[in-house]
Amino acid sequence: MPVEMTRARFEELVADALDLLPAEFAAAMNNVVVLVEDTHPEDPSLLGLYEGIALTERDSTYGGVLPDRITIYREPLLDMCADEEEVVDEVAVTVVHEIAHHFGIDDEKLHALGWG
């Protein structure tokens, strides 16, 4: 049975996960927004998604573009967890995973580091 949680509380958990980032990583994030949505329209099991141009791929021609988007999907995270404590952990892992993509780290490397 999925964990029941208000959207506001879930958004607090995402904000708390962002607050856990070391200051130097938070300061290095550039032109990116973190959003919460209920589910991905095409893949309802997706926990998070990074859309944009990773920092490692930006060059002198980068400019005048909309912010990168990190979307954290609420319903699949609540569905996979047994209690709020597990939601807190899974949200943090998902947020870190998607931020890592912003820094140019791919899924293979993330899995090797234990953040898959």
C-alpha atoms as a PDB file:
ATOM      1  CA  MET A   1       0.000   0.000   0.000  1.00  0.00           C
ATOM      2  CA  PRO A   2       1.481   3.399  -0.959  1.00  0.00           C
ATOM      3  CA  VAL A   3       2.456   5.947   1.647  1.00  0.00           C
ATOM      4  CA  GLU A   4      -0.083   8.739   1.973  1.00  0.00           C
ATOM      5  CA  MET A   5       1.476  12.192   1.971  1.00  0.00           C
ATOM      6  CA  THR A   6       0.312  15.637   0.954  1.00  0.00           C
ATOM      7  CA  ARG A   7       1.963  17.294  -1.992  1.00  0.00           C
ATOM      8  CA  ALA A   8       3.171  20.070   0.321  1.00  0.00           C
ATOM      9  CA  ARG A   9       4.908  17.566   2.617  1.00  0.00           C
ATOM     10  CA  PHE A  10       6.485  15.800  -0.371  1.00  0.00           C
ATOM     11  CA  GLU A  11       7.772  19.131  -1.698  1.00  0.00           C
ATOM     12  CA  GLU A  12       9.282  19.776   1.750  1.00  0.00           C
ATOM     13  CA  LEU A  13      11.166  16.470   1.471  1.00  0.00           C
ATOM     14  CA  VAL A  14      12.529  17.501  -1.936  1.00  0.00           C
ATOM     15  CA  ALA A  15      13.629  20.847  -0.483  1.00  0.00           C
ATOM     16  CA  ASP A  16      15.216  19.050   2.482  1.00  0.00           C
ATOM     17  CA  ALA A  17      17.109  16.775   0.080  1.00  0.00           C
ATOM     18  CA  LEU A  18      18.405  19.838  -1.788  1.00  0.00           C
ATOM     19  CA  ASP A  19      19.528  21.326   1.532  1.00  0.00           C
ATOM     20  CA  LEU A  20      21.670  18.220   2.124  1.00  0.00           C
ATOM     21  CA  LEU A  21      23.875  19.086  -0.862  1.00  0.00           C
ATOM     22  CA  PRO A  22      27.329  20.320   0.044  1.00  0.00           C
ATOM     23  CA  ALA A  23      27.512  24.093  -0.427  1.00  0.00           C
ATOM     24  CA  GLU A  24      30.062  23.833  -3.238  1.00  0.00           C
ATOM     25  CA  PHE A  25      27.718  21.600  -5.273  1.00  0.00           C
ATOM     26  CA  ALA A  26      24.711  23.808  -4.658  1.00  0.00           C
ATOM     27  CA  ALA A  27      26.753  26.860  -5.694  1.00  0.00           C
ATOM     28  CA  ALA A  28      27.936  25.110  -8.862  1.00  0.00           C
ATOM     29  CA  MET A  29      24.419  24.307 -10.072  1.00  0.00           C
ATOM     30  CA  ASN A  30      23.651  26.664 -12.916  1.00  0.00           C
ATOM     31  CA  ASN A  31      20.414  27.464 -14.739  1.00  0.00           C
ATOM     32  CA  VAL A  32      18.451  24.528 -13.347  1.00  0.00           C
ATOM     33  CA  VAL A  33      15.054  24.252 -11.689  1.00  0.00           C
ATOM     34  CA  VAL A  34      13.775  21.385  -9.530  1.00  0.00           C
ATOM     35  CA  LEU A  35      10.085  20.560  -9.880  1.00  0.00           C
ATOM     36  CA  VAL A  36       7.652  18.048  -8.388  1.00  0.00           C
ATOM     37  CA  GLU A  37       5.053  16.337 -10.562  1.00  0.00           C
ATOM     38  CA  ASP A  38       2.720  13.456  -9.760  1.00  0.00           C
ATOM     39  CA  THR A  39       3.862  11.101 -12.551  1.00  0.00           C
ATOM     40  CA  HIS A  40       5.714  11.144 -15.845  1.00  0.00           C
ATOM     41  CA  PRO A  41       3.059  11.098 -18.611  1.00  0.00           C
ATOM     42  CA  GLU A  42       4.779   8.385 -20.659  1.00  0.00           C
ATOM     43  CA  ASP A  43       6.458   6.315 -17.925  1.00  0.00           C
ATOM     44  CA  PRO A  44       4.446   6.301 -14.690  1.00  0.00           C
ATOM     45  CA  SER A  45       7.137   4.261 -12.898  1.00  0.00           C
ATOM     46  CA  LEU A  46       9.844   6.913 -13.417  1.00  0.00           C
ATOM     47  CA  LEU A  47      11.102   8.390 -10.129  1.00  0.00           C
ATOM     48  CA  GLY A  48      12.952  11.403 -11.506  1.00  0.00           C
ATOM     49  CA  LEU A  49      14.130  12.956 -14.743  1.00  0.00           C
ATOM     50  CA  TYR A  50      16.856  15.394 -15.745  1.00  0.00           C
ATOM     51  CA  GLU A  51      16.241  17.339 -18.946  1.00  0.00           C
ATOM     52  CA  GLY A  52      18.810  19.795 -20.166  1.00  0.00           C
ATOM     53  CA  ILE A  53      22.432  20.337 -21.087  1.00  0.00           C
ATOM     54  CA  ALA A  54      24.808  18.962 -18.467  1.00  0.00           C
ATOM     55  CA  LEU A  55      27.416  21.362 -17.116  1.00  0.00           C
ATOM     56  CA  THR A  56      30.142  19.205 -18.687  1.00  0.00           C
ATOM     57  CA  GLU A  57      28.593  19.683 -22.144  1.00  0.00           C
ATOM     58  CA  ARG A  58      28.168  23.447 -22.018  1.00  0.00           C
ATOM     59  CA  ASP A  59      30.582  25.576 -23.999  1.00  0.00           C
ATOM     60  CA  SER A  60      30.974  29.197 -25.015  1.00  0.00           C
ATOM     61  CA  THR A  61      27.839  28.990 -27.189  1.00  0.00           C
ATOM     62  CA  TYR A  62      25.662  28.131 -24.195  1.00  0.00           C
ATOM     63  CA  GLY A  63      23.386  31.034 -23.362  1.00  0.00           C
ATOM     64  CA  GLY A  64      19.876  32.312 -23.667  1.00  0.00           C
ATOM     65  CA  VAL A  65      18.370  28.887 -23.001  1.00  0.00           C
ATOM     66  CA  LEU A  66      15.572  27.896 -20.688  1.00  0.00           C
ATOM     67  CA  PRO A  67      16.692  26.353 -17.398  1.00  0.00           C
ATOM     68  CA  ASP A  68      17.429  22.654 -17.205  1.00  0.00           C
ATOM     69  CA  ARG A  69      14.637  20.751 -15.471  1.00  0.00           C
ATOM     70  CA  ILE A  70      14.924  18.176 -12.737  1.00  0.00           C
ATOM     71  CA  THR A  71      11.530  16.633 -12.096  1.00  0.00           C
ATOM     72  CA  ILE A  72      10.865  14.431  -9.085  1.00  0.00           C
ATOM     73  CA  TYR A  73       7.802  12.214  -9.496  1.00  0.00           C
ATOM     74  CA  ARG A  74       5.740  11.951  -6.345  1.00  0.00           C
ATOM     75  CA  GLU A  75       3.381   9.018  -6.926  1.00  0.00           C
ATOM     76  CA  PRO A  76       5.903   6.325  -7.913  1.00  0.00           C
ATOM     77  CA  LEU A  77       8.117   7.282  -4.966  1.00  0.00           C
ATOM     78  CA  LEU A  78       5.180   7.029  -2.559  1.00  0.00           C
ATOM     79  CA  ASP A  79       4.072   3.752  -4.176  1.00  0.00           C
ATOM     80  CA  MET A  80       7.450   2.073  -3.674  1.00  0.00           C
ATOM     81  CA  CYS A  81       7.886   3.016  -0.001  1.00  0.00           C
ATOM     82  CA  ALA A  82       6.506   1.407   3.140  1.00  0.00           C
ATOM     83  CA  ASP A  83       6.647   4.463   5.413  1.00  0.00           C
ATOM     84  CA  GLU A  84       7.610   8.132   5.557  1.00  0.00           C
ATOM     85  CA  GLU A  85      11.170   7.370   6.666  1.00  0.00           C
ATOM     86  CA  GLU A  86      11.688   5.332   3.499  1.00  0.00           C
ATOM     87  CA  VAL A  87      10.164   8.147   1.407  1.00  0.00           C
ATOM     88  CA  VAL A  88      12.686  10.587   2.931  1.00  0.00           C
ATOM     89  CA  ASP A  89      15.558   8.278   1.932  1.00  0.00           C
ATOM     90  CA  GLU A  90      14.261   7.556  -1.570  1.00  0.00           C
ATOM     91  CA  VAL A  91      13.561  11.229  -2.291  1.00  0.00           C
ATOM     92  CA  ALA A  92      17.118  12.100  -1.243  1.00  0.00           C
ATOM     93  CA  VAL A  93      18.587   9.373  -3.465  1.00  0.00           C
ATOM     94  CA  THR A  94      16.434  10.461  -6.417  1.00  0.00           C
ATOM     95  CA  VAL A  95      17.314  14.139  -6.003  1.00  0.00           C
ATOM     96  CA  VAL A  96      21.050  13.353  -5.800  1.00  0.00           C
ATOM     97  CA  HIS A  97      20.771  11.034  -8.814  1.00  0.00           C
ATOM     98  CA  GLU A  98      19.146  13.706 -10.993  1.00  0.00           C
ATOM     99  CA  ILE A  99      21.508  16.456  -9.821  1.00  0.00           C
ATOM    100  CA  ALA A 100      24.405  14.176 -10.717  1.00  0.00           C
ATOM    101  CA  HIS A 101      23.082  14.144 -14.308  1.00  0.00           C
ATOM    102  CA  HIS A 102      23.207  17.961 -14.250  1.00  0.00           C
ATOM    103  CA  PHE A 103      26.913  17.582 -13.407  1.00  0.00           C
ATOM    104  CA  GLY A 104      27.397  15.177 -16.323  1.00  0.00           C
ATOM    105  CA  ILE A 105      27.472  11.892 -14.416  1.00  0.00           C
ATOM    106  CA  ASP A 106      25.733   9.098 -16.332  1.00  0.00           C
ATOM    107  CA  ASP A 107      23.612   6.225 -14.996  1.00  0.00           C
ATOM    108  CA  GLU A 108      26.432   3.687 -15.306  1.00  0.00           C
ATOM    109  CA  LYS A 109      28.734   5.755 -13.081  1.00  0.00           C
ATOM    110  CA  LEU A 110      25.897   6.482 -10.639  1.00  0.00           C
ATOM    111  CA  HIS A 111      25.147   2.777 -10.271  1.00  0.00           C
ATOM    112  CA  ALA A 112      28.836   2.067  -9.693  1.00  0.00           C
ATOM    113  CA  LEU A 113      28.861   4.723  -6.960  1.00  0.00           C
ATOM    114  CA  GLY A 114      25.742   3.245  -5.320  1.00  0.00           C
ATOM    115  CA  TRP A 115      23.371   6.022  -6.363  1.00  0.00           C
ATOM    116  CA  GLY A 116      21.522   4.013  -9.021  1.00  0.00           C
END
